[in-house]
Amino acid sequence: MKLQYSGTEAIRAPKEQVRQFVLDPNQVGYCLPDLQELQVVDQTHFTAVVKVGVGPVRGRFKLDVELVPNGDAASINLKGSGMGSGMAMSSEVTLEETAEGTILHWKADASVSGPLASVGGRLLEGQAKKTIEQMFASIRSRLEAAAD
């Protein structure tokens, strides 16, 4: 099952600070919703274990994450597996400087297979969208807390 989402977060922090945060596994890793474990592999890679629950399918998912800088943009690529299911997500982040701080534009393309994909399109889509939005909202709130 293929999923696509996009959104923006207005962040009251300078663009370079936002960029450094998004590309730091020790920072962005803790923004994953329902994080249970985080292990930083190197400056651009980390693994995480998150709790997943979509309808009757519940369990733990192991994620391998790669952060790729690209000028004023970045990619966050993630592959995961757990509960007999698989997931891959590629997200692009672009940053726009404003008088109030930074606008973080994001888009994410994901594919899900296995029992998670069989839960039902609307249920899975709603949960996936909520999880992705929570991650980017967490990035905003952590950056703004650090700026205050």
Protein backbone atom coordinates (compact mmCIF):
# COMPACT_ATOMS: atom_id res chain seq x y z
CA MET A 1 0.00 0.00 0.00
CA LYS A 2 1.40 3.40 -1.02
CA LEU A 3 0.87 6.54 1.07
CA GLN A 4 1.73 10.20 0.38
CA TYR A 5 1.56 13.15 2.75
CA SER A 6 2.85 16.71 2.98
CA GLY A 7 2.66 19.62 5.37
CA THR A 8 4.41 22.60 6.91
CA GLU A 9 5.56 23.60 10.38
CA ALA A 10 6.23 27.22 11.30
CA ILE A 11 9.16 27.15 13.74
CA ARG A 12 10.32 30.12 15.80
CA ALA A 13 14.01 29.33 15.34
CA PRO A 14 16.70 30.35 12.81
CA LYS A 15 16.92 28.27 9.62
CA GLU A 16 20.45 27.00 10.29
CA GLN A 17 19.44 25.83 13.78
CA VAL A 18 16.47 23.93 12.28
CA ARG A 19 18.70 22.39 9.61
CA GLN A 20 21.27 21.21 12.17
CA PHE A 21 18.51 19.73 14.36
CA VAL A 22 16.90 17.81 11.48
CA LEU A 23 20.28 16.36 10.48
CA ASP A 24 21.31 15.33 14.01
CA PRO A 25 20.37 11.71 14.88
CA ASN A 26 20.58 12.55 18.61
CA GLN A 27 17.97 15.28 18.15
CA VAL A 28 15.56 14.16 15.43
CA GLY A 29 15.58 10.54 16.62
CA TYR A 30 13.80 11.49 19.82
CA CYS A 31 11.00 13.11 17.77
CA LEU A 32 9.71 9.72 16.58
CA PRO A 33 6.31 9.03 18.21
CA ASP A 34 6.14 6.09 20.62
CA LEU A 35 9.93 5.72 20.65
CA GLN A 36 11.13 2.86 22.86
CA GLU A 37 14.80 2.58 21.90
CA LEU A 38 17.28 4.74 19.97
CA GLN A 39 20.80 3.80 18.89
CA VAL A 40 22.91 6.29 16.96
CA VAL A 41 25.10 4.45 14.44
CA ASP A 42 26.99 7.47 13.05
CA GLN A 43 26.41 11.14 12.10
CA THR A 44 23.76 10.27 9.51
CA HIS A 45 22.31 6.92 10.62
CA PHE A 46 20.36 5.64 13.59
CA THR A 47 18.14 2.71 14.47
CA ALA A 48 15.01 3.04 16.52
CA VAL A 49 12.36 0.78 17.96
CA VAL A 50 8.86 2.25 18.07
CA LYS A 51 5.57 0.95 19.36
CA VAL A 52 3.00 0.56 16.58
CA GLY A 53 -0.73 0.09 16.89
CA VAL A 54 -3.13 0.19 13.97
CA GLY A 55 -6.49 -1.42 14.63
CA PRO A 56 -5.91 -4.96 15.88
CA VAL A 57 -2.26 -5.03 14.73
CA ARG A 58 0.01 -4.01 17.62
CA GLY A 59 3.68 -4.52 18.38
CA ARG A 60 7.17 -3.15 17.92
CA PHE A 61 8.77 -1.93 14.73
CA LYS A 62 12.52 -1.64 14.16
CA LEU A 63 13.49 1.31 11.94
CA ASP A 64 16.77 2.02 10.15
CA VAL A 65 16.99 5.75 9.46
CA GLU A 66 19.33 7.72 7.19
CA LEU A 67 19.61 11.52 7.26
CA VAL A 68 20.88 13.03 4.00
CA PRO A 69 21.85 16.74 3.82
CA ASN A 70 21.11 18.54 0.56
CA GLY A 71 21.89 22.27 0.80
CA ASP A 72 18.95 23.97 2.51
CA ALA A 73 17.04 20.71 2.29
CA ALA A 74 17.38 17.25 3.75
CA SER A 75 16.05 13.76 3.17
CA ILE A 76 14.99 11.41 5.91
CA ASN A 77 14.90 7.83 4.61
CA LEU A 78 13.58 5.05 6.75
CA LYS A 79 13.08 1.31 6.41
CA GLY A 80 11.39 -0.76 9.03
CA SER A 81 10.07 -4.16 9.87
CA GLY A 82 8.13 -5.84 12.61
CA MET A 83 5.07 -7.97 13.25
CA GLY A 84 5.52 -9.59 9.83
CA SER A 85 5.15 -6.21 8.11
CA GLY A 86 7.53 -3.97 6.25
CA MET A 87 7.65 -0.23 5.70
CA ALA A 88 9.75 2.19 3.70
CA MET A 89 9.46 5.97 3.81
CA SER A 90 11.30 8.71 2.03
CA SER A 91 10.68 12.24 3.21
CA GLU A 92 12.01 15.52 1.89
CA VAL A 93 12.40 18.55 4.11
CA THR A 94 12.98 22.06 2.75
CA LEU A 95 13.53 25.13 4.88
CA GLU A 96 12.34 28.66 4.20
CA GLU A 97 13.65 31.55 6.29
CA THR A 98 11.02 34.05 7.50
CA ALA A 99 11.01 37.12 9.76
CA GLU A 100 9.56 34.94 12.56
CA GLY A 101 11.96 32.01 12.08
CA THR A 102 11.68 29.12 9.64
CA ILE A 103 8.99 27.34 7.69
CA LEU A 104 9.72 23.63 7.46
CA HIS A 105 8.03 22.16 4.37
CA TRP A 106 7.87 18.39 4.33
CA LYS A 107 6.55 15.64 2.10
CA ALA A 108 6.64 11.93 2.72
CA ASP A 109 6.10 8.92 0.47
CA ALA A 110 5.66 5.61 2.26
CA SER A 111 4.85 2.04 1.36
CA VAL A 112 3.62 -0.59 3.78
CA SER A 113 3.33 -4.35 3.31
CA GLY A 114 2.18 -7.31 5.36
CA PRO A 115 -0.47 -7.41 8.10
CA LEU A 116 -0.23 -3.63 8.66
CA ALA A 117 -1.21 -3.01 5.03
CA SER A 118 -4.19 -5.35 5.36
CA VAL A 119 -5.77 -3.41 8.25
CA GLY A 120 -7.69 -1.25 5.84
CA GLY A 121 -6.76 1.77 3.79
CA ARG A 122 -8.50 4.49 5.75
CA LEU A 123 -7.45 3.19 9.15
CA LEU A 124 -3.80 2.80 8.11
CA GLU A 125 -3.75 6.11 6.22
CA GLY A 126 -5.18 8.00 9.19
CA GLN A 127 -2.69 6.49 11.65
CA ALA A 128 0.28 6.99 9.31
CA LYS A 129 -0.64 10.63 8.70
CA LYS A 130 -1.08 11.23 12.43
CA THR A 131 2.31 9.65 13.20
CA ILE A 132 4.18 11.66 10.53
CA GLU A 133 2.49 14.91 11.62
CA GLN A 134 3.38 14.14 15.27
CA MET A 135 7.04 13.71 14.32
CA PHE A 136 7.27 17.08 12.55
CA ALA A 137 5.26 18.81 15.32
CA SER A 138 7.70 17.33 17.84
CA ILE A 139 10.63 18.76 15.85
CA ARG A 140 8.94 22.20 16.03
CA SER A 141 8.20 22.02 19.75
CA ARG A 142 11.71 20.82 20.69
CA LEU A 143 13.36 23.54 18.62
CA GLU A 144 11.12 26.26 20.04
CA ALA A 145 11.72 25.04 23.61
CA ALA A 146 15.47 25.24 22.99
CA ALA A 147 15.12 28.77 21.54
CA ASP A 148 13.17 30.12 24.56
